[in-house]
């Protein structure tokens, strides 16, 4: 596989893993500590859960791509 395909797969896997984790952690934080937060017309745990979903997907994709790139650099052709 080419290096770009490996990076794309790594980013996709990272986003799929990061999004639910971010959703859970965001909703947990919003329900307990940030009940007054408002985002996209939502308040409390719903707003922070959606923010966590977005941030988790982006950070997961970046981390997955970085790991795939590092693994691909040491692979044998």
C-alpha atoms as a PDB file:
ATOM      1  CA  UNK A   1       0.000   0.000   0.000  1.00  0.00           C
ATOM      2  CA  UNK A   2       1.170   3.479  -0.631  1.00  0.00           C
ATOM      3  CA  UNK A   3       2.034   5.737   2.228  1.00  0.00           C
ATOM      4  CA  UNK A   4      -0.875   8.118   1.578  1.00  0.00           C
ATOM      5  CA  UNK A   5      -3.389   5.264   1.723  1.00  0.00           C
ATOM      6  CA  UNK A   6      -1.970   4.157   5.075  1.00  0.00           C
ATOM      7  CA  UNK A   7      -2.187   7.698   6.429  1.00  0.00           C
ATOM      8  CA  UNK A   8      -5.789   8.030   5.198  1.00  0.00           C
ATOM      9  CA  UNK A   9      -6.762   4.717   6.801  1.00  0.00           C
ATOM     10  CA  UNK A  10      -5.028   5.751  10.025  1.00  0.00           C
ATOM     11  CA  UNK A  11      -6.890   9.062  10.048  1.00  0.00           C
ATOM     12  CA  UNK A  12     -10.240   7.352   9.422  1.00  0.00           C
ATOM     13  CA  UNK A  13      -9.682   4.800  12.187  1.00  0.00           C
ATOM     14  CA  UNK A  14      -8.536   7.541  14.558  1.00  0.00           C
ATOM     15  CA  UNK A  15     -11.632   9.619  13.833  1.00  0.00           C
ATOM     16  CA  UNK A  16     -13.953   6.642  14.328  1.00  0.00           C
ATOM     17  CA  UNK A  17     -12.337   5.853  17.680  1.00  0.00           C
ATOM     18  CA  UNK A  18     -11.949   9.480  18.807  1.00  0.00           C
ATOM     19  CA  UNK A  19     -15.476  10.683  18.031  1.00  0.00           C
ATOM     20  CA  UNK A  20     -17.406   8.435  20.470  1.00  0.00           C
ATOM     21  CA  UNK A  21     -14.736   8.920  23.123  1.00  0.00           C
ATOM     22  CA  UNK A  22     -15.009  12.702  22.718  1.00  0.00           C
ATOM     23  CA  UNK A  23     -18.798  12.515  22.796  1.00  0.00           C
ATOM     24  CA  UNK A  24     -18.775  10.545  26.026  1.00  0.00           C
ATOM     25  CA  UNK A  25     -16.172  12.715  27.752  1.00  0.00           C
ATOM     26  CA  UNK A  26     -17.817  15.943  26.547  1.00  0.00           C
ATOM     27  CA  UNK A  27     -21.257  14.891  27.763  1.00  0.00           C
ATOM     28  CA  UNK A  28     -19.794  13.742  31.063  1.00  0.00           C
ATOM     29  CA  UNK A  29     -18.025  17.068  31.557  1.00  0.00           C
ATOM     30  CA  UNK A  30     -21.035  19.126  30.471  1.00  0.00           C
ATOM     31  CA  UNK A  31     -23.476  17.249  32.663  1.00  0.00           C
ATOM     32  CA  UNK A  32     -21.380  17.740  35.768  1.00  0.00           C
ATOM     33  CA  UNK A  33     -19.475  20.993  35.381  1.00  0.00           C
ATOM     34  CA  UNK A  34     -20.666  23.056  32.402  1.00  0.00           C
ATOM     35  CA  UNK A  35     -24.436  23.102  32.519  1.00  0.00           C
ATOM     36  CA  UNK A  36     -24.558  26.733  31.350  1.00  0.00           C
ATOM     37  CA  UNK A  37     -22.612  26.217  28.115  1.00  0.00           C
ATOM     38  CA  UNK A  38     -24.555  26.962  24.940  1.00  0.00           C
ATOM     39  CA  UNK A  39     -23.532  25.737  21.461  1.00  0.00           C
ATOM     40  CA  UNK A  40     -25.645  25.438  18.278  1.00  0.00           C
ATOM     41  CA  UNK A  41     -28.794  26.122  20.267  1.00  0.00           C
ATOM     42  CA  UNK A  42     -28.091  23.309  22.735  1.00  0.00           C
ATOM     43  CA  UNK A  43     -27.265  23.669  26.404  1.00  0.00           C
ATOM     44  CA  UNK A  44     -25.360  21.701  28.998  1.00  0.00           C
ATOM     45  CA  UNK A  45     -24.344  18.124  28.343  1.00  0.00           C
ATOM     46  CA  UNK A  46     -25.858  18.157  24.843  1.00  0.00           C
ATOM     47  CA  UNK A  47     -23.714  21.119  23.782  1.00  0.00           C
ATOM     48  CA  UNK A  48     -20.478  19.874  25.311  1.00  0.00           C
ATOM     49  CA  UNK A  49     -21.156  16.376  24.010  1.00  0.00           C
ATOM     50  CA  UNK A  50     -21.392  17.707  20.467  1.00  0.00           C
ATOM     51  CA  UNK A  51     -18.245  19.776  20.962  1.00  0.00           C
ATOM     52  CA  UNK A  52     -16.495  16.702  22.323  1.00  0.00           C
ATOM     53  CA  UNK A  53     -17.634  14.688  19.307  1.00  0.00           C
ATOM     54  CA  UNK A  54     -16.140  17.220  16.907  1.00  0.00           C
ATOM     55  CA  UNK A  55     -12.911  17.644  18.850  1.00  0.00           C
ATOM     56  CA  UNK A  56     -12.546  13.909  19.385  1.00  0.00           C
ATOM     57  CA  UNK A  57     -12.956  13.200  15.677  1.00  0.00           C
ATOM     58  CA  UNK A  58     -10.438  15.867  14.661  1.00  0.00           C
ATOM     59  CA  UNK A  59      -7.856  14.957  17.299  1.00  0.00           C
ATOM     60  CA  UNK A  60      -8.357  11.253  16.666  1.00  0.00           C
ATOM     61  CA  UNK A  61      -7.831  11.739  12.934  1.00  0.00           C
ATOM     62  CA  UNK A  62      -4.663  13.750  13.518  1.00  0.00           C
ATOM     63  CA  UNK A  63      -3.305  11.212  15.972  1.00  0.00           C
ATOM     64  CA  UNK A  64      -4.229   8.271  13.734  1.00  0.00           C
ATOM     65  CA  UNK A  65      -2.547   9.889  10.734  1.00  0.00           C
ATOM     66  CA  UNK A  66       0.584  10.627  12.772  1.00  0.00           C
ATOM     67  CA  UNK A  67       0.798   7.057  14.040  1.00  0.00           C
ATOM     68  CA  UNK A  68       0.252   5.649  10.543  1.00  0.00           C
ATOM     69  CA  UNK A  69       2.903   7.957   9.129  1.00  0.00           C
ATOM     70  CA  UNK A  70       5.401   6.952  11.829  1.00  0.00           C
ATOM     71  CA  UNK A  71       4.671   3.240  11.295  1.00  0.00           C
ATOM     72  CA  UNK A  72       4.865   3.616   7.531  1.00  0.00           C
ATOM     73  CA  UNK A  73       8.262   5.314   7.707  1.00  0.00           C
ATOM     74  CA  UNK A  74       9.853   2.269   9.308  1.00  0.00           C
ATOM     75  CA  UNK A  75       8.148  -0.313   7.067  1.00  0.00           C
ATOM     76  CA  UNK A  76      10.025  -2.359   4.493  1.00  0.00           C
ATOM     77  CA  UNK A  77       9.078  -1.674   0.845  1.00  0.00           C
END
